[in-house]
């Protein structure tokens, strides 16, 4: 690769928008959902699915259903995304968005995989 092309690719990478936000993973069999937030949504679906496929997800109930039903039984969607460059702390901002979605959707018990707030 020549130097000009390399410089061009570096500049493109620097100018890429990083999104933070909230995702929902829905079990299509029982409609239970898992809500989570991330400071960087890039490739998050792939990473989350690989984690579940490898049996390494920290949510034991979600992991058990994934193992029993397979990945095709779950739908991934981004509920909300925002430009990380517009906030000072994307992790904190993402967590605040997550709290709003948890309050609205209440994915606890029979409705979801999240643990209820204390």
PDB file of N, CA and C in Angstrom:
ATOM      1  N   UNK A   1       0.857  -1.168   0.000  1.00  0.00           N
ATOM      2  CA  UNK A   1       0.000   0.000   0.000  1.00  0.00           C
ATOM      3  C   UNK A   1       0.905   1.233   0.000  1.00  0.00           C
ATOM      4  N   UNK A   2       0.578   2.164  -0.865  1.00  0.00           N
ATOM      5  CA  UNK A   2       1.420   3.360  -0.921  1.00  0.00           C
ATOM      6  C   UNK A   2       1.103   4.310   0.232  1.00  0.00           C
ATOM      7  N   UNK A   3       1.971   5.247   0.479  1.00  0.00           N
ATOM      8  CA  UNK A   3       1.869   6.161   1.624  1.00  0.00           C
ATOM      9  C   UNK A   3       0.631   7.045   1.554  1.00  0.00           C
ATOM     10  N   UNK A   4       0.263   7.488   0.359  1.00  0.00           N
ATOM     11  CA  UNK A   4      -0.924   8.342   0.214  1.00  0.00           C
ATOM     12  C   UNK A   4      -2.194   7.592   0.599  1.00  0.00           C
ATOM     13  N   UNK A   5      -2.297   6.356   0.135  1.00  0.00           N
ATOM     14  CA  UNK A   5      -3.483   5.543   0.457  1.00  0.00           C
ATOM     15  C   UNK A   5      -3.548   5.255   1.952  1.00  0.00           C
ATOM     16  N   UNK A   6      -2.404   4.973   2.531  1.00  0.00           N
ATOM     17  CA  UNK A   6      -2.347   4.710   3.969  1.00  0.00           C
ATOM     18  C   UNK A   6      -2.785   5.940   4.759  1.00  0.00           C
ATOM     19  N   UNK A   7      -2.316   7.102   4.370  1.00  0.00           N
ATOM     20  CA  UNK A   7      -2.706   8.354   5.032  1.00  0.00           C
ATOM     21  C   UNK A   7      -4.202   8.612   4.862  1.00  0.00           C
ATOM     22  N   UNK A   8      -4.712   8.317   3.687  1.00  0.00           N
ATOM     23  CA  UNK A   8      -6.135   8.502   3.412  1.00  0.00           C
ATOM     24  C   UNK A   8      -6.983   7.589   4.312  1.00  0.00           C
ATOM     25  N   UNK A   9      -6.597   6.343   4.455  1.00  0.00           N
ATOM     26  CA  UNK A   9      -7.333   5.399   5.302  1.00  0.00           C
ATOM     27  C   UNK A   9      -7.280   5.813   6.774  1.00  0.00           C
ATOM     28  N   UNK A  10      -6.128   6.295   7.231  1.00  0.00           N
ATOM     29  CA  UNK A  10      -6.008   6.773   8.608  1.00  0.00           C
ATOM     30  C   UNK A  10      -6.947   7.944   8.859  1.00  0.00           C
ATOM     31  N   UNK A  11      -7.009   8.854   7.901  1.00  0.00           N
ATOM     32  CA  UNK A  11      -7.892  10.022   8.037  1.00  0.00           C
ATOM     33  C   UNK A  11      -9.357   9.589   8.059  1.00  0.00           C
ATOM     34  N   UNK A  12      -9.711   8.649   7.211  1.00  0.00           N
ATOM     35  CA  UNK A  12     -11.084   8.143   7.199  1.00  0.00           C
ATOM     36  C   UNK A  12     -11.431   7.515   8.546  1.00  0.00           C
ATOM     37  N   UNK A  13     -10.506   6.766   9.119  1.00  0.00           N
ATOM     38  CA  UNK A  13     -10.731   6.121  10.406  1.00  0.00           C
ATOM     39  C   UNK A  13     -10.931   7.168  11.507  1.00  0.00           C
ATOM     40  N   UNK A  14     -10.095   8.209  11.496  1.00  0.00           N
ATOM     41  CA  UNK A  14     -10.220   9.279  12.503  1.00  0.00           C
ATOM     42  C   UNK A  14     -11.563   9.989  12.405  1.00  0.00           C
ATOM     43  N   UNK A  15     -12.114  10.074  11.208  1.00  0.00           N
ATOM     44  CA  UNK A  15     -13.366  10.797  10.995  1.00  0.00           C
ATOM     45  C   UNK A  15     -14.612   9.937  11.152  1.00  0.00           C
ATOM     46  N   UNK A  16     -14.436   8.660  11.438  1.00  0.00           N
ATOM     47  CA  UNK A  16     -15.588   7.779  11.625  1.00  0.00           C
ATOM     48  C   UNK A  16     -16.360   8.179  12.879  1.00  0.00           C
ATOM     49  N   UNK A  17     -17.653   8.119  12.799  1.00  0.00           N
ATOM     50  CA  UNK A  17     -18.490   8.408  13.958  1.00  0.00           C
ATOM     51  C   UNK A  17     -18.571   7.171  14.835  1.00  0.00           C
ATOM     52  N   UNK A  18     -18.359   7.378  16.122  1.00  0.00           N
ATOM     53  CA  UNK A  18     -18.533   6.306  17.092  1.00  0.00           C
ATOM     54  C   UNK A  18     -19.877   6.540  17.766  1.00  0.00           C
ATOM     55  N   UNK A  19     -20.691   5.507  17.802  1.00  0.00           N
ATOM     56  CA  UNK A  19     -22.021   5.594  18.402  1.00  0.00           C
ATOM     57  C   UNK A  19     -22.051   4.853  19.729  1.00  0.00           C
ATOM     58  N   UNK A  20     -22.675   5.465  20.724  1.00  0.00           N
ATOM     59  CA  UNK A  20     -22.978   4.758  21.962  1.00  0.00           C
ATOM     60  C   UNK A  20     -24.473   4.553  21.976  1.00  0.00           C
ATOM     61  N   UNK A  21     -24.946   3.599  22.780  1.00  0.00           N
ATOM     62  CA  UNK A  21     -26.385   3.417  22.804  1.00  0.00           C
ATOM     63  C   UNK A  21     -26.857   2.182  23.532  1.00  0.00           C
ATOM     64  N   UNK A  22     -28.113   1.849  23.249  1.00  0.00           N
ATOM     65  CA  UNK A  22     -28.815   0.767  23.937  1.00  0.00           C
ATOM     66  C   UNK A  22     -29.305  -0.243  22.903  1.00  0.00           C
ATOM     67  N   UNK A  23     -29.122  -1.521  23.229  1.00  0.00           N
ATOM     68  CA  UNK A  23     -29.578  -2.591  22.337  1.00  0.00           C
ATOM     69  C   UNK A  23     -30.602  -3.470  23.063  1.00  0.00           C
ATOM     70  N   UNK A  24     -31.362  -4.199  22.253  1.00  0.00           N
ATOM     71  CA  UNK A  24     -32.293  -5.197  22.798  1.00  0.00           C
ATOM     72  C   UNK A  24     -32.067  -6.497  22.035  1.00  0.00           C
ATOM     73  N   UNK A  25     -31.962  -7.580  22.782  1.00  0.00           N
ATOM     74  CA  UNK A  25     -31.877  -8.917  22.213  1.00  0.00           C
ATOM     75  C   UNK A  25     -33.165  -9.618  22.632  1.00  0.00           C
ATOM     76  N   UNK A  26     -33.998  -9.987  21.657  1.00  0.00           N
ATOM     77  CA  UNK A  26     -35.315 -10.554  21.949  1.00  0.00           C
ATOM     78  C   UNK A  26     -35.381 -12.025  21.555  1.00  0.00           C
ATOM     79  N   UNK A  27     -35.854 -12.846  22.487  1.00  0.00           N
ATOM     80  CA  UNK A  27     -36.095 -14.261  22.252  1.00  0.00           C
ATOM     81  C   UNK A  27     -37.439 -14.362  21.517  1.00  0.00           C
ATOM     82  N   UNK A  28     -37.430 -14.868  20.297  1.00  0.00           N
ATOM     83  CA  UNK A  28     -38.655 -14.917  19.500  1.00  0.00           C
ATOM     84  C   UNK A  28     -39.622 -16.003  19.959  1.00  0.00           C
ATOM     85  N   UNK A  29     -39.154 -16.935  20.792  1.00  0.00           N
ATOM     86  CA  UNK A  29     -40.020 -18.010  21.281  1.00  0.00           C
ATOM     87  C   UNK A  29     -40.879 -17.578  22.458  1.00  0.00           C
ATOM     88  N   UNK A  30     -40.275 -16.844  23.393  1.00  0.00           N
ATOM     89  CA  UNK A  30     -41.036 -16.464  24.585  1.00  0.00           C
ATOM     90  C   UNK A  30     -41.129 -14.945  24.771  1.00  0.00           C
ATOM     91  N   UNK A  31     -40.575 -14.179  23.839  1.00  0.00           N
ATOM     92  CA  UNK A  31     -40.628 -12.714  23.825  1.00  0.00           C
ATOM     93  C   UNK A  31     -39.837 -12.060  24.964  1.00  0.00           C
ATOM     94  N   UNK A  32     -39.056 -12.851  25.698  1.00  0.00           N
ATOM     95  CA  UNK A  32     -38.212 -12.264  26.738  1.00  0.00           C
ATOM     96  C   UNK A  32     -37.124 -11.441  26.063  1.00  0.00           C
ATOM     97  N   UNK A  33     -36.737 -10.339  26.719  1.00  0.00           N
ATOM     98  CA  UNK A  33     -35.742  -9.460  26.128  1.00  0.00           C
ATOM     99  C   UNK A  33     -34.601  -9.162  27.090  1.00  0.00           C
ATOM    100  N   UNK A  34     -33.476  -8.866  26.503  1.00  0.00           N
ATOM    101  CA  UNK A  34     -32.287  -8.461  27.244  1.00  0.00           C
ATOM    102  C   UNK A  34     -31.916  -7.070  26.761  1.00  0.00           C
ATOM    103  N   UNK A  35     -31.811  -6.125  27.691  1.00  0.00           N
ATOM    104  CA  UNK A  35     -31.463  -4.746  27.373  1.00  0.00           C
ATOM    105  C   UNK A  35     -30.061  -4.477  27.904  1.00  0.00           C
ATOM    106  N   UNK A  36     -29.231  -3.832  27.082  1.00  0.00           N
ATOM    107  CA  UNK A  36     -27.872  -3.495  27.507  1.00  0.00           C
ATOM    108  C   UNK A  36     -27.425  -2.221  26.808  1.00  0.00           C
ATOM    109  N   UNK A  37     -26.462  -1.539  27.417  1.00  0.00           N
ATOM    110  CA  UNK A  37     -25.901  -0.340  26.803  1.00  0.00           C
ATOM    111  C   UNK A  37     -24.406  -0.522  26.605  1.00  0.00           C
ATOM    112  N   UNK A  38     -23.892   0.188  25.602  1.00  0.00           N
ATOM    113  CA  UNK A  38     -22.476   0.090  25.278  1.00  0.00           C
ATOM    114  C   UNK A  38     -21.961   1.458  24.843  1.00  0.00           C
ATOM    115  N   UNK A  39     -20.727   1.782  25.235  1.00  0.00           N
ATOM    116  CA  UNK A  39     -20.151   3.061  24.835  1.00  0.00           C
ATOM    117  C   UNK A  39     -19.722   3.089  23.368  1.00  0.00           C
ATOM    118  N   UNK A  40     -19.667   1.916  22.733  1.00  0.00           N
ATOM    119  CA  UNK A  40     -19.325   1.832  21.320  1.00  0.00           C
ATOM    120  C   UNK A  40     -20.120   0.672  20.712  1.00  0.00           C
ATOM    121  N   UNK A  41     -21.046   0.993  19.834  1.00  0.00           N
ATOM    122  CA  UNK A  41     -21.922  -0.026  19.252  1.00  0.00           C
ATOM    123  C   UNK A  41     -21.301  -0.753  18.054  1.00  0.00           C
ATOM    124  N   UNK A  42     -20.146  -0.297  17.598  1.00  0.00           N
ATOM    125  CA  UNK A  42     -19.530  -0.903  16.423  1.00  0.00           C
ATOM    126  C   UNK A  42     -19.287  -2.398  16.669  1.00  0.00           C
ATOM    127  N   UNK A  43     -19.786  -3.207  15.778  1.00  0.00           N
ATOM    128  CA  UNK A  43     -19.617  -4.669  15.817  1.00  0.00           C
ATOM    129  C   UNK A  43     -20.216  -5.319  17.074  1.00  0.00           C
ATOM    130  N   UNK A  44     -21.046  -4.611  17.808  1.00  0.00           N
ATOM    131  CA  UNK A  44     -21.563  -5.148  19.072  1.00  0.00           C
ATOM    132  C   UNK A  44     -22.417  -6.389  18.850  1.00  0.00           C
ATOM    133  N   UNK A  45     -23.210  -6.421  17.787  1.00  0.00           N
ATOM    134  CA  UNK A  45     -24.030  -7.610  17.548  1.00  0.00           C
ATOM    135  C   UNK A  45     -23.139  -8.833  17.340  1.00  0.00           C
ATOM    136  N   UNK A  46     -22.116  -8.685  16.532  1.00  0.00           N
ATOM    137  CA  UNK A  46     -21.204  -9.795  16.271  1.00  0.00           C
ATOM    138  C   UNK A  46     -20.520 -10.254  17.558  1.00  0.00           C
ATOM    139  N   UNK A  47     -20.029  -9.317  18.349  1.00  0.00           N
ATOM    140  CA  UNK A  47     -19.338  -9.648  19.599  1.00  0.00           C
ATOM    141  C   UNK A  47     -20.290 -10.340  20.574  1.00  0.00           C
ATOM    142  N   UNK A  48     -21.503  -9.822  20.703  1.00  0.00           N
ATOM    143  CA  UNK A  48     -22.490 -10.400  21.619  1.00  0.00           C
ATOM    144  C   UNK A  48     -22.869 -11.815  21.191  1.00  0.00           C
ATOM    145  N   UNK A  49     -23.101 -12.012  19.904  1.00  0.00           N
ATOM    146  CA  UNK A  49     -23.455 -13.343  19.402  1.00  0.00           C
ATOM    147  C   UNK A  49     -22.292 -14.331  19.581  1.00  0.00           C
ATOM    148  N   UNK A  50     -21.067 -13.863  19.349  1.00  0.00           N
ATOM    149  CA  UNK A  50     -19.907 -14.751  19.546  1.00  0.00           C
ATOM    150  C   UNK A  50     -19.774 -15.119  21.020  1.00  0.00           C
ATOM    151  N   UNK A  51     -19.988 -14.166  21.903  1.00  0.00           N
ATOM    152  CA  UNK A  51     -19.910 -14.425  23.345  1.00  0.00           C
ATOM    153  C   UNK A  51     -20.947 -15.479  23.742  1.00  0.00           C
ATOM    154  N   UNK A  52     -22.155 -15.336  23.237  1.00  0.00           N
ATOM    155  CA  UNK A  52     -23.201 -16.306  23.550  1.00  0.00           C
ATOM    156  C   UNK A  52     -22.923 -17.673  22.900  1.00  0.00           C
ATOM    157  N   UNK A  53     -22.460 -17.667  21.668  1.00  0.00           N
ATOM    158  CA  UNK A  53     -22.118 -18.924  20.987  1.00  0.00           C
ATOM    159  C   UNK A  53     -21.024 -19.680  21.737  1.00  0.00           C
ATOM    160  N   UNK A  54     -20.089 -18.937  22.326  1.00  0.00           N
ATOM    161  CA  UNK A  54     -18.974 -19.546  23.060  1.00  0.00           C
ATOM    162  C   UNK A  54     -19.328 -19.899  24.505  1.00  0.00           C
ATOM    163  N   UNK A  55     -20.556 -19.556  24.930  1.00  0.00           N
ATOM    164  CA  UNK A  55     -20.981 -19.858  26.300  1.00  0.00           C
ATOM    165  C   UNK A  55     -20.334 -18.973  27.349  1.00  0.00           C
ATOM    166  N   UNK A  56     -19.987 -17.739  26.975  1.00  0.00           N
ATOM    167  CA  UNK A  56     -19.268 -16.857  27.884  1.00  0.00           C
ATOM    168  C   UNK A  56     -20.074 -15.642  28.347  1.00  0.00           C
ATOM    169  N   UNK A  57     -21.372 -15.613  28.109  1.00  0.00           N
ATOM    170  CA  UNK A  57     -22.156 -14.446  28.525  1.00  0.00           C
ATOM    171  C   UNK A  57     -22.435 -14.524  30.023  1.00  0.00           C
ATOM    172  N   UNK A  58     -22.302 -13.400  30.743  1.00  0.00           N
ATOM    173  CA  UNK A  58     -22.491 -13.421  32.196  1.00  0.00           C
ATOM    174  C   UNK A  58     -23.934 -13.638  32.658  1.00  0.00           C
ATOM    175  N   UNK A  59     -24.909 -13.433  31.776  1.00  0.00           N
ATOM    176  CA  UNK A  59     -26.305 -13.640  32.158  1.00  0.00           C
ATOM    177  C   UNK A  59     -26.648 -15.119  31.936  1.00  0.00           C
ATOM    178  N   UNK A  60     -26.719 -15.867  33.026  1.00  0.00           N
ATOM    179  CA  UNK A  60     -26.889 -17.321  32.949  1.00  0.00           C
ATOM    180  C   UNK A  60     -28.212 -17.737  32.295  1.00  0.00           C
ATOM    181  N   UNK A  61     -29.285 -17.023  32.565  1.00  0.00           N
ATOM    182  CA  UNK A  61     -30.590 -17.380  32.003  1.00  0.00           C
ATOM    183  C   UNK A  61     -30.606 -17.148  30.497  1.00  0.00           C
ATOM    184  N   UNK A  62     -30.093 -16.011  30.078  1.00  0.00           N
ATOM    185  CA  UNK A  62     -29.979 -15.723  28.651  1.00  0.00           C
ATOM    186  C   UNK A  62     -29.082 -16.757  27.979  1.00  0.00           C
ATOM    187  N   UNK A  63     -27.969 -17.070  28.602  1.00  0.00           N
ATOM    188  CA  UNK A  63     -27.027 -18.038  28.044  1.00  0.00           C
ATOM    189  C   UNK A  63     -27.685 -19.415  27.889  1.00  0.00           C
ATOM    190  N   UNK A  64     -28.467 -19.829  28.895  1.00  0.00           N
ATOM    191  CA  UNK A  64     -29.144 -21.129  28.837  1.00  0.00           C
ATOM    192  C   UNK A  64     -30.158 -21.179  27.699  1.00  0.00           C
ATOM    193  N   UNK A  65     -30.944 -20.115  27.534  1.00  0.00           N
ATOM    194  CA  UNK A  65     -31.925 -20.077  26.443  1.00  0.00           C
ATOM    195  C   UNK A  65     -31.233 -20.051  25.082  1.00  0.00           C
ATOM    196  N   UNK A  66     -30.134 -19.327  24.990  1.00  0.00           N
ATOM    197  CA  UNK A  66     -29.368 -19.283  23.735  1.00  0.00           C
ATOM    198  C   UNK A  66     -28.867 -20.679  23.378  1.00  0.00           C
ATOM    199  N   UNK A  67     -28.358 -21.369  24.378  1.00  0.00           N
ATOM    200  CA  UNK A  67     -27.833 -22.722  24.139  1.00  0.00           C
ATOM    201  C   UNK A  67     -28.955 -23.673  23.726  1.00  0.00           C
ATOM    202  N   UNK A  68     -30.111 -23.553  24.369  1.00  0.00           N
ATOM    203  CA  UNK A  68     -31.231 -24.451  24.081  1.00  0.00           C
ATOM    204  C   UNK A  68     -31.889 -24.161  22.732  1.00  0.00           C
ATOM    205  N   UNK A  69     -32.013 -22.879  22.380  1.00  0.00           N
ATOM    206  CA  UNK A  69     -32.772 -22.495  21.187  1.00  0.00           C
ATOM    207  C   UNK A  69     -31.911 -22.131  19.985  1.00  0.00           C
ATOM    208  N   UNK A  70     -30.674 -21.755  20.241  1.00  0.00           N
ATOM    209  CA  UNK A  70     -29.790 -21.329  19.157  1.00  0.00           C
ATOM    210  C   UNK A  70     -29.942 -19.848  18.847  1.00  0.00           C
ATOM    211  N   UNK A  71     -28.937 -19.309  18.203  1.00  0.00           N
ATOM    212  CA  UNK A  71     -28.890 -17.881  17.895  1.00  0.00           C
ATOM    213  C   UNK A  71     -29.985 -17.395  16.968  1.00  0.00           C
ATOM    214  N   UNK A  72     -30.491 -18.289  16.106  1.00  0.00           N
ATOM    215  CA  UNK A  72     -31.551 -17.886  15.173  1.00  0.00           C
ATOM    216  C   UNK A  72     -32.857 -17.552  15.890  1.00  0.00           C
ATOM    217  N   UNK A  73     -32.981 -17.937  17.139  1.00  0.00           N
ATOM    218  CA  UNK A  73     -34.196 -17.667  17.912  1.00  0.00           C
ATOM    219  C   UNK A  73     -34.175 -16.272  18.545  1.00  0.00           C
ATOM    220  N   UNK A  74     -33.115 -15.503  18.301  1.00  0.00           N
ATOM    221  CA  UNK A  74     -32.976 -14.188  18.920  1.00  0.00           C
ATOM    222  C   UNK A  74     -32.820 -13.104  17.861  1.00  0.00           C
ATOM    223  N   UNK A  75     -33.451 -11.966  18.132  1.00  0.00           N
ATOM    224  CA  UNK A  75     -33.374 -10.815  17.233  1.00  0.00           C
ATOM    225  C   UNK A  75     -32.638  -9.690  17.961  1.00  0.00           C
ATOM    226  N   UNK A  76     -31.626  -9.136  17.292  1.00  0.00           N
ATOM    227  CA  UNK A  76     -30.824  -8.029  17.824  1.00  0.00           C
ATOM    228  C   UNK A  76     -31.309  -6.736  17.205  1.00  0.00           C
ATOM    229  N   UNK A  77     -31.474  -5.711  18.030  1.00  0.00           N
ATOM    230  CA  UNK A  77     -31.824  -4.408  17.480  1.00  0.00           C
ATOM    231  C   UNK A  77     -31.233  -3.298  18.341  1.00  0.00           C
ATOM    232  N   UNK A  78     -30.876  -2.212  17.690  1.00  0.00           N
ATOM    233  CA  UNK A  78     -30.400  -1.027  18.383  1.00  0.00           C
ATOM    234  C   UNK A  78     -31.627  -0.184  18.694  1.00  0.00           C
ATOM    235  N   UNK A  79     -31.886   0.036  19.982  1.00  0.00           N
ATOM    236  CA  UNK A  79     -33.043   0.830  20.386  1.00  0.00           C
ATOM    237  C   UNK A  79     -32.768   2.318  20.274  1.00  0.00           C
ATOM    238  N   UNK A  80     -31.537   2.703  20.579  1.00  0.00           N
ATOM    239  CA  UNK A  80     -31.188   4.119  20.517  1.00  0.00           C
ATOM    240  C   UNK A  80     -29.679   4.240  20.372  1.00  0.00           C
ATOM    241  N   UNK A  81     -29.258   5.147  19.493  1.00  0.00           N
ATOM    242  CA  UNK A  81     -27.830   5.395  19.353  1.00  0.00           C
ATOM    243  C   UNK A  81     -27.595   6.896  19.249  1.00  0.00           C
ATOM    244  N   UNK A  82     -26.444   7.310  19.799  1.00  0.00           N
ATOM    245  CA  UNK A  82     -26.078   8.719  19.788  1.00  0.00           C
ATOM    246  C   UNK A  82     -24.582   8.853  19.501  1.00  0.00           C
ATOM    247  N   UNK A  83     -24.219  10.002  19.017  1.00  0.00           N
ATOM    248  CA  UNK A  83     -22.837  10.298  18.658  1.00  0.00           C
ATOM    249  C   UNK A  83     -21.984  10.445  19.913  1.00  0.00           C
ATOM    250  N   UNK A  84     -21.003   9.576  20.058  1.00  0.00           N
ATOM    251  CA  UNK A  84     -20.144   9.590  21.249  1.00  0.00           C
ATOM    252  C   UNK A  84     -19.269  10.838  21.327  1.00  0.00           C
ATOM    253  N   UNK A  85     -18.998  11.468  20.199  1.00  0.00           N
ATOM    254  CA  UNK A  85     -18.157  12.665  20.200  1.00  0.00           C
ATOM    255  C   UNK A  85     -18.861  13.856  20.859  1.00  0.00           C
ATOM    256  N   UNK A  86     -20.163  13.748  21.034  1.00  0.00           N
ATOM    257  CA  UNK A  86     -20.930  14.866  21.594  1.00  0.00           C
ATOM    258  C   UNK A  86     -21.094  14.795  23.105  1.00  0.00           C
ATOM    259  N   UNK A  87     -20.500  13.788  23.727  1.00  0.00           N
ATOM    260  CA  UNK A  87     -20.549  13.660  25.193  1.00  0.00           C
ATOM    261  C   UNK A  87     -19.139  13.472  25.731  1.00  0.00           C
ATOM    262  N   UNK A  88     -18.965  13.830  26.974  1.00  0.00           N
ATOM    263  CA  UNK A  88     -17.649  13.696  27.582  1.00  0.00           C
ATOM    264  C   UNK A  88     -17.353  12.253  27.990  1.00  0.00           C
ATOM    265  N   UNK A  89     -18.383  11.552  28.463  1.00  0.00           N
ATOM    266  CA  UNK A  89     -18.216  10.179  28.939  1.00  0.00           C
ATOM    267  C   UNK A  89     -19.294   9.293  28.313  1.00  0.00           C
ATOM    268  N   UNK A  90     -18.947   8.608  27.233  1.00  0.00           N
ATOM    269  CA  UNK A  90     -19.921   7.787  26.505  1.00  0.00           C
ATOM    270  C   UNK A  90     -20.427   6.623  27.346  1.00  0.00           C
ATOM    271  N   UNK A  91     -19.583   6.080  28.214  1.00  0.00           N
ATOM    272  CA  UNK A  91     -20.007   4.959  29.062  1.00  0.00           C
ATOM    273  C   UNK A  91     -21.112   5.414  30.020  1.00  0.00           C
ATOM    274  N   UNK A  92     -20.920   6.559  30.646  1.00  0.00           N
ATOM    275  CA  UNK A  92     -21.918   7.100  31.567  1.00  0.00           C
ATOM    276  C   UNK A  92     -23.200   7.454  30.809  1.00  0.00           C
ATOM    277  N   UNK A  93     -23.057   8.116  29.662  1.00  0.00           N
ATOM    278  CA  UNK A  93     -24.221   8.510  28.869  1.00  0.00           C
ATOM    279  C   UNK A  93     -25.010   7.282  28.409  1.00  0.00           C
ATOM    280  N   UNK A  94     -24.301   6.229  28.000  1.00  0.00           N
ATOM    281  CA  UNK A  94     -24.969   5.000  27.570  1.00  0.00           C
ATOM    282  C   UNK A  94     -25.727   4.370  28.731  1.00  0.00           C
ATOM    283  N   UNK A  95     -25.123   4.383  29.905  1.00  0.00           N
ATOM    284  CA  UNK A  95     -25.776   3.813  31.093  1.00  0.00           C
ATOM    285  C   UNK A  95     -27.046   4.592  31.443  1.00  0.00           C
ATOM    286  N   UNK A  96     -27.011   5.908  31.299  1.00  0.00           N
ATOM    287  CA  UNK A  96     -28.206   6.718  31.561  1.00  0.00           C
ATOM    288  C   UNK A  96     -29.327   6.381  30.581  1.00  0.00           C
ATOM    289  N   UNK A  97     -28.971   6.178  29.318  1.00  0.00           N
ATOM    290  CA  UNK A  97     -29.975   5.762  28.318  1.00  0.00           C
ATOM    291  C   UNK A  97     -30.544   4.388  28.663  1.00  0.00           C
ATOM    292  N   UNK A  98     -29.666   3.498  29.089  1.00  0.00           N
ATOM    293  CA  UNK A  98     -30.113   2.154  29.454  1.00  0.00           C
ATOM    294  C   UNK A  98     -31.129   2.217  30.584  1.00  0.00           C
ATOM    295  N   UNK A  99     -30.874   3.033  31.587  1.00  0.00           N
ATOM    296  CA  UNK A  99     -31.808   3.149  32.711  1.00  0.00           C
ATOM    297  C   UNK A  99     -33.189   3.613  32.236  1.00  0.00           C
ATOM    298  N   UNK A 100     -33.230   4.513  31.265  1.00  0.00           N
ATOM    299  CA  UNK A 100     -34.509   4.972  30.711  1.00  0.00           C
ATOM    300  C   UNK A 100     -35.249   3.833  30.015  1.00  0.00           C
ATOM    301  N   UNK A 101     -34.517   3.062  29.237  1.00  0.00           N
ATOM    302  CA  UNK A 101     -35.143   1.947  28.513  1.00  0.00           C
ATOM    303  C   UNK A 101     -35.576   0.830  29.465  1.00  0.00           C
ATOM    304  N   UNK A 102     -34.792   0.578  30.500  1.00  0.00           N
ATOM    305  CA  UNK A 102     -35.185  -0.431  31.490  1.00  0.00           C
ATOM    306  C   UNK A 102     -36.470  -0.014  32.198  1.00  0.00           C
ATOM    307  N   UNK A 103     -36.572   1.269  32.540  1.00  0.00           N
ATOM    308  CA  UNK A 103     -37.769   1.782  33.215  1.00  0.00           C
ATOM    309  C   UNK A 103     -38.993   1.659  32.300  1.00  0.00           C
ATOM    310  N   UNK A 104     -38.803   1.919  31.033  1.00  0.00           N
ATOM    311  CA  UNK A 104     -39.902   1.868  30.065  1.00  0.00           C
ATOM    312  C   UNK A 104     -40.314   0.438  29.726  1.00  0.00           C
ATOM    313  N   UNK A 105     -39.343  -0.436  29.466  1.00  0.00           N
ATOM    314  CA  UNK A 105     -39.628  -1.787  28.969  1.00  0.00           C
ATOM    315  C   UNK A 105     -39.789  -2.848  30.058  1.00  0.00           C
ATOM    316  N   UNK A 106     -39.199  -2.605  31.227  1.00  0.00           N
ATOM    317  CA  UNK A 106     -39.285  -3.523  32.367  1.00  0.00           C
ATOM    318  C   UNK A 106     -38.972  -4.977  31.974  1.00  0.00           C
ATOM    319  N   UNK A 107     -37.760  -5.237  31.489  1.00  0.00           N
ATOM    320  CA  UNK A 107     -37.411  -6.592  31.037  1.00  0.00           C
ATOM    321  C   UNK A 107     -36.971  -7.507  32.185  1.00  0.00           C
ATOM    322  N   UNK A 108     -37.863  -7.698  33.141  1.00  0.00           N
ATOM    323  CA  UNK A 108     -37.539  -8.468  34.343  1.00  0.00           C
ATOM    324  C   UNK A 108     -38.467  -9.675  34.458  1.00  0.00           C
ATOM    325  N   UNK A 109     -38.015 -10.692  35.156  1.00  0.00           N
ATOM    326  CA  UNK A 109     -38.852 -11.862  35.404  1.00  0.00           C
ATOM    327  C   UNK A 109     -39.292 -12.530  34.123  1.00  0.00           C
ATOM    328  N   UNK A 110     -40.596 -12.708  33.963  1.00  0.00           N
ATOM    329  CA  UNK A 110     -41.141 -13.369  32.776  1.00  0.00           C
ATOM    330  C   UNK A 110     -41.009 -12.528  31.515  1.00  0.00           C
ATOM    331  N   UNK A 111     -40.738 -11.224  31.678  1.00  0.00           N
ATOM    332  CA  UNK A 111     -40.633 -10.312  30.524  1.00  0.00           C
ATOM    333  C   UNK A 111     -39.212 -10.206  29.974  1.00  0.00           C
ATOM    334  N   UNK A 112     -38.229 -10.632  30.776  1.00  0.00           N
ATOM    335  CA  UNK A 112     -36.883 -10.438  30.267  1.00  0.00           C
ATOM    336  C   UNK A 112     -35.794 -11.103  31.069  1.00  0.00           C
ATOM    337  N   UNK A 113     -34.575 -10.819  30.660  1.00  0.00           N
ATOM    338  CA  UNK A 113     -33.385 -11.428  31.239  1.00  0.00           C
ATOM    339  C   UNK A 113     -32.645 -10.503  32.196  1.00  0.00           C
ATOM    340  N   UNK A 114     -33.020  -9.240  32.243  1.00  0.00           N
ATOM    341  CA  UNK A 114     -32.325  -8.303  33.123  1.00  0.00           C
ATOM    342  C   UNK A 114     -32.737  -8.503  34.567  1.00  0.00           C
ATOM    343  N   UNK A 115     -31.840  -8.144  35.479  1.00  0.00           N
ATOM    344  CA  UNK A 115     -32.147  -8.202  36.901  1.00  0.00           C
ATOM    345  C   UNK A 115     -32.886  -6.929  37.289  1.00  0.00           C
ATOM    346  N   UNK A 116     -33.921  -7.049  38.132  1.00  0.00           N
ATOM    347  CA  UNK A 116     -34.669  -5.848  38.530  1.00  0.00           C
ATOM    348  C   UNK A 116     -33.792  -4.897  39.352  1.00  0.00           C
ATOM    349  N   UNK A 117     -34.111  -3.609  39.286  1.00  0.00           N
ATOM    350  CA  UNK A 117     -33.329  -2.650  40.086  1.00  0.00           C
ATOM    351  C   UNK A 117     -33.562  -2.885  41.569  1.00  0.00           C
ATOM    352  N   UNK A 118     -32.581  -2.503  42.361  1.00  0.00           N
ATOM    353  CA  UNK A 118     -32.676  -2.700  43.808  1.00  0.00           C
ATOM    354  C   UNK A 118     -33.426  -1.567  44.452  1.00  0.00           C
TER     355      UNK A 118
END
